[in-house]
Amino acid sequence: MMTVTRRQFMATAAAVGTFGAVPVWASASSTDFTLWQIPLHQTQTQGNSYVFQMNDGKVVVMDGGVAQEAGYLRGFLGALGNEVEAWFISHPHSDHIGACNEILKNPDGIQIKTIYHSEFSKDFYAKVEPGSRELTEEFYANLRKPDWQEADSSVVDVTEPGLTVKIGQTHFKILDVKDESVTNNAYNNSCMVIRVWDDARSVVFLGDAGVEQGDRLLNGPFRKELDCDFLQLAHHGQRGVRKEFYRAIKFNACLWPTPLWLYNNDAGKGFNTHTWETVEIRNLMDELGIEKHFIGWQGLGVVR
């Protein structure tokens, strides 16, 4: 695969159609980052993919989405210079590591300085979710291959919460990591939960956190740091943390890594036959008075 140039990416983005609300959250002089929520209209599957760029040009990726989104993500990163200062992985489900895994197999010019994740033990992932075992093992193996690494590249296995990484004037703090004692909804309840902030704004990424992890966060040492300006809703806005979690913390806007069929509780399109609860969460956000929403199916969401 050839590296996608900035011009090629911009032409593709224009053809596909990228759009989203751009809130004026603070003056440009007091903010350090631009955040993009990567659109889901390309694949119409649920995914989790976010890209930051700091004022000094450094780029950070959160998860990256499914394997089919790797091409779009390559183009996006190419437009930003093809260098990633840090790549944070919440957990090794396919809709979070798929694109990253494809890029690790064939970097094709993309340079990644550091990948942060909270690695599951083999005893854990082999037992709790056997359907995810093969991709998890492949991803971990690719992390250890030298092909994607430059001389100063590294992988950081975060085993305890509290680690803070400063990139430019923006901080990335790990509020929670894996907990292999939880075997119900196991992968989702072992997400690496991350708070991001500069002097003007804050974002909390819940990944796919489930009920047990949400309770753990509310009762943990970083409870106050769950309050934020922008909150990535757990598990694509459905079957995540309890509603009480959202009622307990303070936030002003929602990031929805959610395709249209899931956003509308449309279980009849062959994706899944479960009854989703997305509409209930949408109603809860109305109840809480949250008016700003960035939704994956609508296109490229921009916070700057």
C-alpha atoms as a PDB file:
ATOM      1  CA  MET A   1       0.000   0.000   0.000  1.00  0.00           C
ATOM      2  CA  MET A   2       1.327   3.426  -0.908  1.00  0.00           C
ATOM      3  CA  THR A   3       1.481   6.189   1.666  1.00  0.00           C
ATOM      4  CA  VAL A   4      -1.505   8.509   1.303  1.00  0.00           C
ATOM      5  CA  THR A   5      -0.419  12.089   0.740  1.00  0.00           C
ATOM      6  CA  ARG A   6      -2.068  15.089   2.364  1.00  0.00           C
ATOM      7  CA  ARG A   7      -3.638  16.104  -0.960  1.00  0.00           C
ATOM      8  CA  GLN A   8      -4.990  12.584  -1.590  1.00  0.00           C
ATOM      9  CA  PHE A   9      -6.480  12.407   1.887  1.00  0.00           C
ATOM     10  CA  MET A  10      -8.133  15.800   1.637  1.00  0.00           C
ATOM     11  CA  ALA A  11      -9.623  14.862  -1.733  1.00  0.00           C
ATOM     12  CA  THR A  12     -10.965  11.593  -0.317  1.00  0.00           C
ATOM     13  CA  ALA A  13     -12.354  13.323   2.762  1.00  0.00           C
ATOM     14  CA  ALA A  14     -14.155  15.841   0.580  1.00  0.00           C
ATOM     15  CA  ALA A  15     -15.632  13.078  -1.566  1.00  0.00           C
ATOM     16  CA  VAL A  16     -16.840  11.069   1.424  1.00  0.00           C
ATOM     17  CA  GLY A  17     -18.116  14.148   3.220  1.00  0.00           C
ATOM     18  CA  THR A  18     -16.705  15.088   6.607  1.00  0.00           C
ATOM     19  CA  PHE A  19     -18.544  17.414   8.893  1.00  0.00           C
ATOM     20  CA  GLY A  20     -19.236  18.096  12.546  1.00  0.00           C
ATOM     21  CA  ALA A  21     -19.933  20.846  15.029  1.00  0.00           C
ATOM     22  CA  VAL A  22     -16.987  22.968  16.102  1.00  0.00           C
ATOM     23  CA  PRO A  23     -17.635  24.466  19.540  1.00  0.00           C
ATOM     24  CA  VAL A  24     -15.711  27.515  20.653  1.00  0.00           C
ATOM     25  CA  TRP A  25     -14.757  26.100  24.036  1.00  0.00           C
ATOM     26  CA  ALA A  26     -11.937  28.520  24.756  1.00  0.00           C
ATOM     27  CA  SER A  27      -9.838  31.069  22.894  1.00  0.00           C
ATOM     28  CA  ALA A  28      -7.164  29.677  20.603  1.00  0.00           C
ATOM     29  CA  SER A  29      -4.454  31.308  22.697  1.00  0.00           C
ATOM     30  CA  SER A  30      -5.359  29.260  25.781  1.00  0.00           C
ATOM     31  CA  THR A  31      -5.863  25.816  24.218  1.00  0.00           C
ATOM     32  CA  ASP A  32      -3.150  23.360  23.273  1.00  0.00           C
ATOM     33  CA  PHE A  33      -4.933  20.711  21.214  1.00  0.00           C
ATOM     34  CA  THR A  34      -7.362  19.987  18.428  1.00  0.00           C
ATOM     35  CA  LEU A  35      -9.323  16.731  18.779  1.00  0.00           C
ATOM     36  CA  TRP A  36     -10.931  14.841  15.913  1.00  0.00           C
ATOM     37  CA  GLN A  37     -13.507  12.075  16.309  1.00  0.00           C
ATOM     38  CA  ILE A  38     -12.910   9.876  13.269  1.00  0.00           C
ATOM     39  CA  PRO A  39     -16.179   9.284  11.344  1.00  0.00           C
ATOM     40  CA  LEU A  40     -17.954   5.936  11.245  1.00  0.00           C
ATOM     41  CA  HIS A  41     -19.868   6.430   7.998  1.00  0.00           C
ATOM     42  CA  GLN A  42     -17.024   4.684   6.129  1.00  0.00           C
ATOM     43  CA  THR A  43     -17.796   1.223   7.529  1.00  0.00           C
ATOM     44  CA  GLN A  44     -21.083   1.632   9.444  1.00  0.00           C
ATOM     45  CA  THR A  45     -19.670  -0.514  12.202  1.00  0.00           C
ATOM     46  CA  GLN A  46     -19.073   0.552  15.772  1.00  0.00           C
ATOM     47  CA  GLY A  47     -15.535   1.710  16.379  1.00  0.00           C
ATOM     48  CA  ASN A  48     -13.482   3.973  18.603  1.00  0.00           C
ATOM     49  CA  SER A  49     -10.982   6.297  16.941  1.00  0.00           C
ATOM     50  CA  TYR A  50      -9.725   9.732  18.015  1.00  0.00           C
ATOM     51  CA  VAL A  51      -6.774  11.852  16.936  1.00  0.00           C
ATOM     52  CA  PHE A  52      -5.197  14.793  18.766  1.00  0.00           C
ATOM     53  CA  GLN A  53      -2.786  17.368  17.452  1.00  0.00           C
ATOM     54  CA  MET A  54      -1.018  19.725  19.837  1.00  0.00           C
ATOM     55  CA  ASN A  55      -0.040  23.281  19.049  1.00  0.00           C
ATOM     56  CA  ASP A  56       3.566  22.110  18.665  1.00  0.00           C
ATOM     57  CA  GLY A  57       2.463  19.633  15.975  1.00  0.00           C
ATOM     58  CA  LYS A  58       2.714  16.437  17.995  1.00  0.00           C
ATOM     59  CA  VAL A  59       0.010  13.843  17.232  1.00  0.00           C
ATOM     60  CA  VAL A  60      -1.700  11.372  19.575  1.00  0.00           C
ATOM     61  CA  VAL A  61      -4.104   8.550  18.648  1.00  0.00           C
ATOM     62  CA  MET A  62      -6.749   6.935  20.845  1.00  0.00           C
ATOM     63  CA  ASP A  63      -7.488   3.338  19.770  1.00  0.00           C
ATOM     64  CA  GLY A  64      -7.960   3.740  15.995  1.00  0.00           C
ATOM     65  CA  GLY A  65     -11.062   1.716  15.153  1.00  0.00           C
ATOM     66  CA  VAL A  66     -11.606  -1.432  13.088  1.00  0.00           C
ATOM     67  CA  ALA A  67      -9.196  -2.875  10.531  1.00  0.00           C
ATOM     68  CA  GLN A  68     -11.318  -1.565   7.647  1.00  0.00           C
ATOM     69  CA  GLU A  69     -10.678   1.991   8.857  1.00  0.00           C
ATOM     70  CA  ALA A  70      -6.898   1.661   8.587  1.00  0.00           C
ATOM     71  CA  GLY A  71      -6.815   3.289   5.140  1.00  0.00           C
ATOM     72  CA  TYR A  72      -8.726   6.361   6.260  1.00  0.00           C
ATOM     73  CA  LEU A  73      -6.607   6.618   9.409  1.00  0.00           C
ATOM     74  CA  ARG A  74      -3.405   6.336   7.366  1.00  0.00           C
ATOM     75  CA  GLY A  75      -4.591   9.239   5.249  1.00  0.00           C
ATOM     76  CA  PHE A  76      -5.502  11.296   8.283  1.00  0.00           C
ATOM     77  CA  LEU A  77      -2.126  10.705   9.916  1.00  0.00           C
ATOM     78  CA  GLY A  78      -0.396  11.366   6.620  1.00  0.00           C
ATOM     79  CA  ALA A  79      -2.081  14.755   6.452  1.00  0.00           C
ATOM     80  CA  LEU A  80      -0.665  15.500   9.900  1.00  0.00           C
ATOM     81  CA  GLY A  81       2.894  14.450   9.052  1.00  0.00           C
ATOM     82  CA  ASN A  82       2.908  10.642   9.520  1.00  0.00           C
ATOM     83  CA  GLU A  83       4.418  10.841  13.023  1.00  0.00           C
ATOM     84  CA  VAL A  84       2.539   9.697  16.127  1.00  0.00           C
ATOM     85  CA  GLU A  85       3.995  10.784  19.450  1.00  0.00           C
ATOM     86  CA  ALA A  86       1.780   8.451  21.495  1.00  0.00           C
ATOM     87  CA  TRP A  87      -0.849   5.834  20.692  1.00  0.00           C
ATOM     88  CA  PHE A  88      -3.136   4.814  23.559  1.00  0.00           C
ATOM     89  CA  ILE A  89      -5.014   1.502  23.375  1.00  0.00           C
ATOM     90  CA  SER A  90      -7.993   1.077  25.701  1.00  0.00           C
ATOM     91  CA  HIS A  91      -8.382  -2.715  25.254  1.00  0.00           C
ATOM     92  CA  PRO A  92      -7.834  -5.331  22.541  1.00  0.00           C
ATOM     93  CA  HIS A  93     -11.292  -5.683  21.006  1.00  0.00           C
ATOM     94  CA  SER A  94     -11.311  -5.584  17.191  1.00  0.00           C
ATOM     95  CA  ASP A  95     -13.176  -2.264  16.978  1.00  0.00           C
ATOM     96  CA  HIS A  96     -10.444  -0.616  19.037  1.00  0.00           C
ATOM     97  CA  ILE A  97      -7.197  -2.243  17.870  1.00  0.00           C
ATOM     98  CA  GLY A  98      -8.064  -3.324  14.315  1.00  0.00           C
ATOM     99  CA  ALA A  99      -6.645  -0.310  12.464  1.00  0.00           C
ATOM    100  CA  CYS A 100      -3.623  -0.047  14.755  1.00  0.00           C
ATOM    101  CA  ASN A 101      -2.889  -3.732  14.207  1.00  0.00           C
ATOM    102  CA  GLU A 102      -2.948  -3.244  10.412  1.00  0.00           C
ATOM    103  CA  ILE A 103      -0.567  -0.282  10.675  1.00  0.00           C
ATOM    104  CA  LEU A 104       1.807  -2.257  12.904  1.00  0.00           C
ATOM    105  CA  LYS A 105       1.903  -5.009  10.276  1.00  0.00           C
ATOM    106  CA  ASN A 106       2.710  -2.477   7.554  1.00  0.00           C
ATOM    107  CA  PRO A 107       3.668   0.977   8.879  1.00  0.00           C
ATOM    108  CA  ASP A 108       4.214   2.292   5.339  1.00  0.00           C
ATOM    109  CA  GLY A 109       5.876   5.480   6.512  1.00  0.00           C
ATOM    110  CA  ILE A 110       3.934   6.013   9.745  1.00  0.00           C
ATOM    111  CA  GLN A 111       6.292   6.483  12.684  1.00  0.00           C
ATOM    112  CA  ILE A 112       4.968   5.734  16.176  1.00  0.00           C
ATOM    113  CA  LYS A 113       7.100   6.813  19.125  1.00  0.00           C
ATOM    114  CA  THR A 114       5.265   5.129  22.037  1.00  0.00           C
ATOM    115  CA  ILE A 115       2.298   2.792  22.369  1.00  0.00           C
ATOM    116  CA  TYR A 116       0.586   2.680  25.766  1.00  0.00           C
ATOM    117  CA  HIS A 117      -1.694  -0.207  26.745  1.00  0.00           C
ATOM    118  CA  SER A 118      -2.564  -2.418  29.713  1.00  0.00           C
ATOM    119  CA  GLU A 119      -1.674  -5.901  28.563  1.00  0.00           C
ATOM    120  CA  PHE A 120      -3.868  -8.867  29.468  1.00  0.00           C
ATOM    121  CA  SER A 121      -2.242 -12.072  30.652  1.00  0.00           C
ATOM    122  CA  LYS A 122      -2.637 -15.120  28.434  1.00  0.00           C
ATOM    123  CA  ASP A 123      -4.477 -16.978  31.203  1.00  0.00           C
ATOM    124  CA  PHE A 124      -7.004 -14.148  31.261  1.00  0.00           C
ATOM    125  CA  TYR A 125      -7.720 -13.553  27.584  1.00  0.00           C
ATOM    126  CA  ALA A 126      -7.663 -17.241  26.699  1.00  0.00           C
ATOM    127  CA  LYS A 127     -10.448 -17.987  29.179  1.00  0.00           C
ATOM    128  CA  VAL A 128     -12.754 -14.990  29.374  1.00  0.00           C
ATOM    129  CA  GLU A 129     -13.371 -14.222  25.690  1.00  0.00           C
ATOM    130  CA  PRO A 130     -12.082 -17.032  23.474  1.00  0.00           C
ATOM    131  CA  GLY A 131     -13.592 -15.377  20.396  1.00  0.00           C
ATOM    132  CA  SER A 132     -11.168 -12.453  20.804  1.00  0.00           C
ATOM    133  CA  ARG A 133      -8.130 -14.585  21.587  1.00  0.00           C
ATOM    134  CA  GLU A 134      -6.691 -14.873  18.060  1.00  0.00           C
ATOM    135  CA  LEU A 135      -6.688 -11.129  17.343  1.00  0.00           C
ATOM    136  CA  THR A 136      -5.416 -10.339  20.839  1.00  0.00           C
ATOM    137  CA  GLU A 137      -2.459 -12.681  20.379  1.00  0.00           C
ATOM    138  CA  GLU A 138      -1.753 -11.277  16.920  1.00  0.00           C
ATOM    139  CA  PHE A 139      -1.839  -7.709  18.210  1.00  0.00           C
ATOM    140  CA  TYR A 140       0.480  -8.459  21.125  1.00  0.00           C
ATOM    141  CA  ALA A 141       2.870 -10.259  18.773  1.00  0.00           C
ATOM    142  CA  ASN A 142       2.881  -7.301  16.382  1.00  0.00           C
ATOM    143  CA  LEU A 143       3.637  -4.930  19.247  1.00  0.00           C
ATOM    144  CA  ARG A 144       6.835  -6.900  19.827  1.00  0.00           C
ATOM    145  CA  LYS A 145       7.965  -6.980  16.198  1.00  0.00           C
ATOM    146  CA  PRO A 146      10.692  -4.475  15.320  1.00  0.00           C
ATOM    147  CA  ASP A 147       9.254  -3.622  11.881  1.00  0.00           C
ATOM    148  CA  TRP A 148       7.224  -0.604  13.039  1.00  0.00           C
ATOM    149  CA  GLN A 149       9.773   0.704  15.534  1.00  0.00           C
ATOM    150  CA  GLU A 150      12.293   3.476  15.107  1.00  0.00           C
ATOM    151  CA  ALA A 151      15.369   3.648  17.327  1.00  0.00           C
ATOM    152  CA  ASP A 152      13.504   5.510  20.078  1.00  0.00           C
ATOM    153  CA  SER A 153      10.161   3.691  19.795  1.00  0.00           C
ATOM    154  CA  SER A 154       8.749   1.810  22.762  1.00  0.00           C
ATOM    155  CA  VAL A 155       5.741  -0.031  24.167  1.00  0.00           C
ATOM    156  CA  VAL A 156       4.582   0.811  27.700  1.00  0.00           C
ATOM    157  CA  ASP A 157       2.490  -1.747  29.589  1.00  0.00           C
ATOM    158  CA  VAL A 158       0.585   0.303  32.160  1.00  0.00           C
ATOM    159  CA  THR A 159      -0.058  -1.959  35.148  1.00  0.00           C
ATOM    160  CA  GLU A 160      -1.203   0.641  37.685  1.00  0.00           C
ATOM    161  CA  PRO A 161      -3.435   3.714  37.304  1.00  0.00           C
ATOM    162  CA  GLY A 162      -1.994   7.167  37.856  1.00  0.00           C
ATOM    163  CA  LEU A 163       0.599   7.386  35.087  1.00  0.00           C
ATOM    164  CA  THR A 164       0.572  10.870  33.523  1.00  0.00           C
ATOM    165  CA  VAL A 165       2.162  11.646  30.160  1.00  0.00           C
ATOM    166  CA  LYS A 166       2.664  15.275  29.135  1.00  0.00           C
ATOM    167  CA  ILE A 167       2.752  16.021  25.419  1.00  0.00           C
ATOM    168  CA  GLY A 168       3.136  19.666  24.561  1.00  0.00           C
ATOM    169  CA  GLN A 169       1.024  21.443  27.173  1.00  0.00           C
ATOM    170  CA  THR A 170      -1.532  18.610  27.294  1.00  0.00           C
ATOM    171  CA  HIS A 171      -1.674  15.923  29.959  1.00  0.00           C
ATOM    172  CA  PHE A 172      -2.800  12.315  29.466  1.00  0.00           C
ATOM    173  CA  LYS A 173      -3.527  10.544  32.755  1.00  0.00           C
ATOM    174  CA  ILE A 174      -4.440   6.870  33.112  1.00  0.00           C
ATOM    175  CA  LEU A 175      -7.343   6.699  35.584  1.00  0.00           C
ATOM    176  CA  ASP A 176      -7.849   2.934  35.401  1.00  0.00           C
ATOM    177  CA  VAL A 177      -6.270  -0.158  33.888  1.00  0.00           C
ATOM    178  CA  LYS A 178      -7.087  -3.856  33.548  1.00  0.00           C
ATOM    179  CA  ASP A 179      -8.632  -5.763  36.440  1.00  0.00           C
ATOM    180  CA  GLU A 180      -8.405  -9.476  35.710  1.00  0.00           C
ATOM    181  CA  SER A 181     -10.471 -10.338  38.768  1.00  0.00           C
ATOM    182  CA  VAL A 182     -13.535  -9.177  36.815  1.00  0.00           C
ATOM    183  CA  THR A 183     -14.586 -11.928  34.421  1.00  0.00           C
ATOM    184  CA  ASN A 184     -18.032 -10.581  33.539  1.00  0.00           C
ATOM    185  CA  ASN A 185     -17.895  -8.509  30.333  1.00  0.00           C
ATOM    186  CA  ALA A 186     -14.209  -9.021  30.892  1.00  0.00           C
ATOM    187  CA  TYR A 187     -12.443  -7.084  28.121  1.00  0.00           C
ATOM    188  CA  ASN A 188     -14.717  -4.066  28.459  1.00  0.00           C
ATOM    189  CA  ASN A 189     -14.336  -3.935  32.231  1.00  0.00           C
ATOM    190  CA  SER A 190     -10.544  -3.868  31.853  1.00  0.00           C
ATOM    191  CA  CYS A 191     -10.288  -0.749  29.722  1.00  0.00           C
ATOM    192  CA  MET A 192      -7.528   1.775  30.117  1.00  0.00           C
ATOM    193  CA  VAL A 193      -9.550   4.882  31.021  1.00  0.00           C
ATOM    194  CA  ILE A 194      -7.829   8.168  30.208  1.00  0.00           C
ATOM    195  CA  ARG A 195      -8.288  11.796  31.205  1.00  0.00           C
ATOM    196  CA  VAL A 196      -6.853  14.435  28.853  1.00  0.00           C
ATOM    197  CA  TRP A 197      -6.571  18.116  29.680  1.00  0.00           C
ATOM    198  CA  ASP A 198      -4.806  21.399  29.024  1.00  0.00           C
ATOM    199  CA  ASP A 199      -5.310  24.768  30.683  1.00  0.00           C
ATOM    200  CA  ALA A 200      -8.681  25.282  28.993  1.00  0.00           C
ATOM    201  CA  ARG A 201     -10.448  21.948  28.384  1.00  0.00           C
ATOM    202  CA  SER A 202     -10.652  18.350  29.540  1.00  0.00           C
ATOM    203  CA  VAL A 203     -11.768  15.086  27.971  1.00  0.00           C
ATOM    204  CA  VAL A 204     -12.372  11.684  29.580  1.00  0.00           C
ATOM    205  CA  PHE A 205     -12.218   8.542  27.442  1.00  0.00           C
ATOM    206  CA  LEU A 206     -14.150   5.654  29.006  1.00  0.00           C
ATOM    207  CA  GLY A 207     -13.461   3.201  26.191  1.00  0.00           C
ATOM    208  CA  ASP A 208     -15.950   0.361  26.558  1.00  0.00           C
ATOM    209  CA  ALA A 209     -16.111   0.473  30.373  1.00  0.00           C
ATOM    210  CA  GLY A 210     -18.913  -1.694  31.742  1.00  0.00           C
ATOM    211  CA  VAL A 211     -20.936  -1.620  34.951  1.00  0.00           C
ATOM    212  CA  GLU A 212     -18.180  -3.051  37.136  1.00  0.00           C
ATOM    213  CA  GLN A 213     -15.493  -0.697  35.872  1.00  0.00           C
ATOM    214  CA  GLY A 214     -17.806   2.288  36.159  1.00  0.00           C
ATOM    215  CA  ASP A 215     -18.460   1.425  39.794  1.00  0.00           C
ATOM    216  CA  ARG A 216     -14.729   0.948  40.340  1.00  0.00           C
ATOM    217  CA  LEU A 217     -14.020   4.391  38.908  1.00  0.00           C
ATOM    218  CA  LEU A 218     -16.654   6.106  41.051  1.00  0.00           C
ATOM    219  CA  ASN A 219     -15.193   4.504  44.162  1.00  0.00           C
ATOM    220  CA  GLY A 220     -11.554   4.879  43.174  1.00  0.00           C
ATOM    221  CA  PRO A 221      -8.834   7.421  43.974  1.00  0.00           C
ATOM    222  CA  PHE A 222      -9.426   9.475  40.828  1.00  0.00           C
ATOM    223  CA  ARG A 223     -13.155  10.036  41.246  1.00  0.00           C
ATOM    224  CA  LYS A 224     -12.881  13.839  41.024  1.00  0.00           C
ATOM    225  CA  GLU A 225     -10.934  13.571  37.766  1.00  0.00           C
ATOM    226  CA  LEU A 226     -13.910  11.970  36.019  1.00  0.00           C
ATOM    227  CA  ASP A 227     -15.518  15.424  35.846  1.00  0.00           C
ATOM    228  CA  CYS A 228     -14.690  16.923  32.460  1.00  0.00           C
ATOM    229  CA  ASP A 229     -15.838  19.105  29.586  1.00  0.00           C
ATOM    230  CA  PHE A 230     -16.092  16.318  26.982  1.00  0.00           C
ATOM    231  CA  LEU A 231     -16.998  12.736  27.853  1.00  0.00           C
ATOM    232  CA  GLN A 232     -16.615   9.768  25.510  1.00  0.00           C
ATOM    233  CA  LEU A 233     -19.674   7.686  26.298  1.00  0.00           C
ATOM    234  CA  ALA A 234     -18.900   4.137  27.387  1.00  0.00           C
ATOM    235  CA  HIS A 235     -19.282   1.287  24.902  1.00  0.00           C
ATOM    236  CA  HIS A 236     -20.530   3.427  22.015  1.00  0.00           C
ATOM    237  CA  GLY A 237     -23.391   4.781  24.131  1.00  0.00           C
ATOM    238  CA  GLN A 238     -24.964   1.464  25.112  1.00  0.00           C
ATOM    239  CA  ARG A 239     -24.440  -1.393  27.568  1.00  0.00           C
ATOM    240  CA  GLY A 240     -21.648   0.467  29.291  1.00  0.00           C
ATOM    241  CA  VAL A 241     -21.504   2.048  32.724  1.00  0.00           C
ATOM    242  CA  ARG A 242     -24.668   2.477  34.782  1.00  0.00           C
ATOM    243  CA  LYS A 243     -26.889   5.492  34.236  1.00  0.00           C
ATOM    244  CA  GLU A 244     -26.012   6.433  37.813  1.00  0.00           C
ATOM    245  CA  PHE A 245     -22.416   6.894  36.670  1.00  0.00           C
ATOM    246  CA  TYR A 246     -23.425   9.624  34.233  1.00  0.00           C
ATOM    247  CA  ARG A 247     -25.624  11.241  36.887  1.00  0.00           C
ATOM    248  CA  ALA A 248     -22.759  11.202  39.400  1.00  0.00           C
ATOM    249  CA  ILE A 249     -20.157  13.062  37.354  1.00  0.00           C
ATOM    250  CA  LYS A 250     -20.101  16.489  35.724  1.00  0.00           C
ATOM    251  CA  PHE A 251     -19.585  16.965  31.976  1.00  0.00           C
ATOM    252  CA  ASN A 252     -20.762  19.367  29.293  1.00  0.00           C
ATOM    253  CA  ALA A 253     -20.612  17.513  25.963  1.00  0.00           C
ATOM    254  CA  CYS A 254     -20.724  13.937  24.643  1.00  0.00           C
ATOM    255  CA  LEU A 255     -18.467  12.100  22.238  1.00  0.00           C
ATOM    256  CA  TRP A 256     -20.410   9.239  20.623  1.00  0.00           C
ATOM    257  CA  PRO A 257     -18.249   6.678  18.740  1.00  0.00           C
ATOM    258  CA  THR A 258     -21.517   5.327  17.394  1.00  0.00           C
ATOM    259  CA  PRO A 259     -22.830   4.323  13.925  1.00  0.00           C
ATOM    260  CA  LEU A 260     -26.328   5.339  12.820  1.00  0.00           C
ATOM    261  CA  TRP A 261     -27.936   1.913  13.227  1.00  0.00           C
ATOM    262  CA  LEU A 262     -26.759   1.728  16.835  1.00  0.00           C
ATOM    263  CA  TYR A 263     -27.589   5.350  17.594  1.00  0.00           C
ATOM    264  CA  ASN A 264     -31.177   4.673  16.478  1.00  0.00           C
ATOM    265  CA  ASN A 265     -31.486   1.313  18.271  1.00  0.00           C
ATOM    266  CA  ASP A 266     -31.954  -0.302  14.870  1.00  0.00           C
ATOM    267  CA  ALA A 267     -31.408  -3.996  15.606  1.00  0.00           C
ATOM    268  CA  GLY A 268     -33.131  -5.202  12.464  1.00  0.00           C
ATOM    269  CA  LYS A 269     -30.354  -4.544   9.950  1.00  0.00           C
ATOM    270  CA  GLY A 270     -28.490  -7.791  10.502  1.00  0.00           C
ATOM    271  CA  PHE A 271     -25.914  -6.321  12.839  1.00  0.00           C
ATOM    272  CA  ASN A 272     -27.340  -7.710  16.048  1.00  0.00           C
ATOM    273  CA  THR A 273     -30.641  -8.981  17.377  1.00  0.00           C
ATOM    274  CA  HIS A 274     -30.226  -7.606  20.884  1.00  0.00           C
ATOM    275  CA  THR A 275     -32.334  -4.781  22.219  1.00  0.00           C
ATOM    276  CA  TRP A 276     -29.967  -1.836  22.477  1.00  0.00           C
ATOM    277  CA  GLU A 277     -30.265   0.880  25.079  1.00  0.00           C
ATOM    278  CA  THR A 278     -28.769   3.766  23.084  1.00  0.00           C
ATOM    279  CA  VAL A 279     -32.035   5.692  22.995  1.00  0.00           C
ATOM    280  CA  GLU A 280     -32.252   5.428  26.781  1.00  0.00           C
ATOM    281  CA  ILE A 281     -28.823   7.042  27.077  1.00  0.00           C
ATOM    282  CA  ARG A 282     -29.847   9.736  24.604  1.00  0.00           C
ATOM    283  CA  ASN A 283     -32.889  10.451  26.773  1.00  0.00           C
ATOM    284  CA  LEU A 284     -30.681  10.526  29.869  1.00  0.00           C
ATOM    285  CA  MET A 285     -28.422  13.125  28.250  1.00  0.00           C
ATOM    286  CA  ASP A 286     -31.502  15.257  27.568  1.00  0.00           C
ATOM    287  CA  GLU A 287     -32.502  14.839  31.213  1.00  0.00           C
ATOM    288  CA  LEU A 288     -29.036  15.970  32.300  1.00  0.00           C
ATOM    289  CA  GLY A 289     -29.221  19.002  30.040  1.00  0.00           C
ATOM    290  CA  ILE A 290     -26.351  17.981  27.762  1.00  0.00           C
ATOM    291  CA  GLU A 291     -26.785  19.819  24.470  1.00  0.00           C
ATOM    292  CA  LYS A 292     -23.464  19.365  22.659  1.00  0.00           C
ATOM    293  CA  HIS A 293     -23.048  15.990  20.932  1.00  0.00           C
ATOM    294  CA  PHE A 294     -20.391  14.727  18.542  1.00  0.00           C
ATOM    295  CA  ILE A 295     -21.722  11.560  16.883  1.00  0.00           C
ATOM    296  CA  GLY A 296     -19.614   9.184  14.799  1.00  0.00           C
ATOM    297  CA  TRP A 297     -22.159   8.518  12.076  1.00  0.00           C
ATOM    298  CA  GLN A 298     -22.537  12.216  11.303  1.00  0.00           C
ATOM    299  CA  GLY A 299     -18.986  12.568  10.042  1.00  0.00           C
ATOM    300  CA  LEU A 300     -15.705  14.019  11.227  1.00  0.00           C
ATOM    301  CA  GLY A 301     -16.263  15.679  14.611  1.00  0.00           C
ATOM    302  CA  VAL A 302     -13.883  18.502  15.491  1.00  0.00           C
ATOM    303  CA  VAL A 303     -13.159  20.021  18.884  1.00  0.00           C
ATOM    304  CA  ARG A 304     -10.763  22.967  18.746  1.00  0.00           C
END
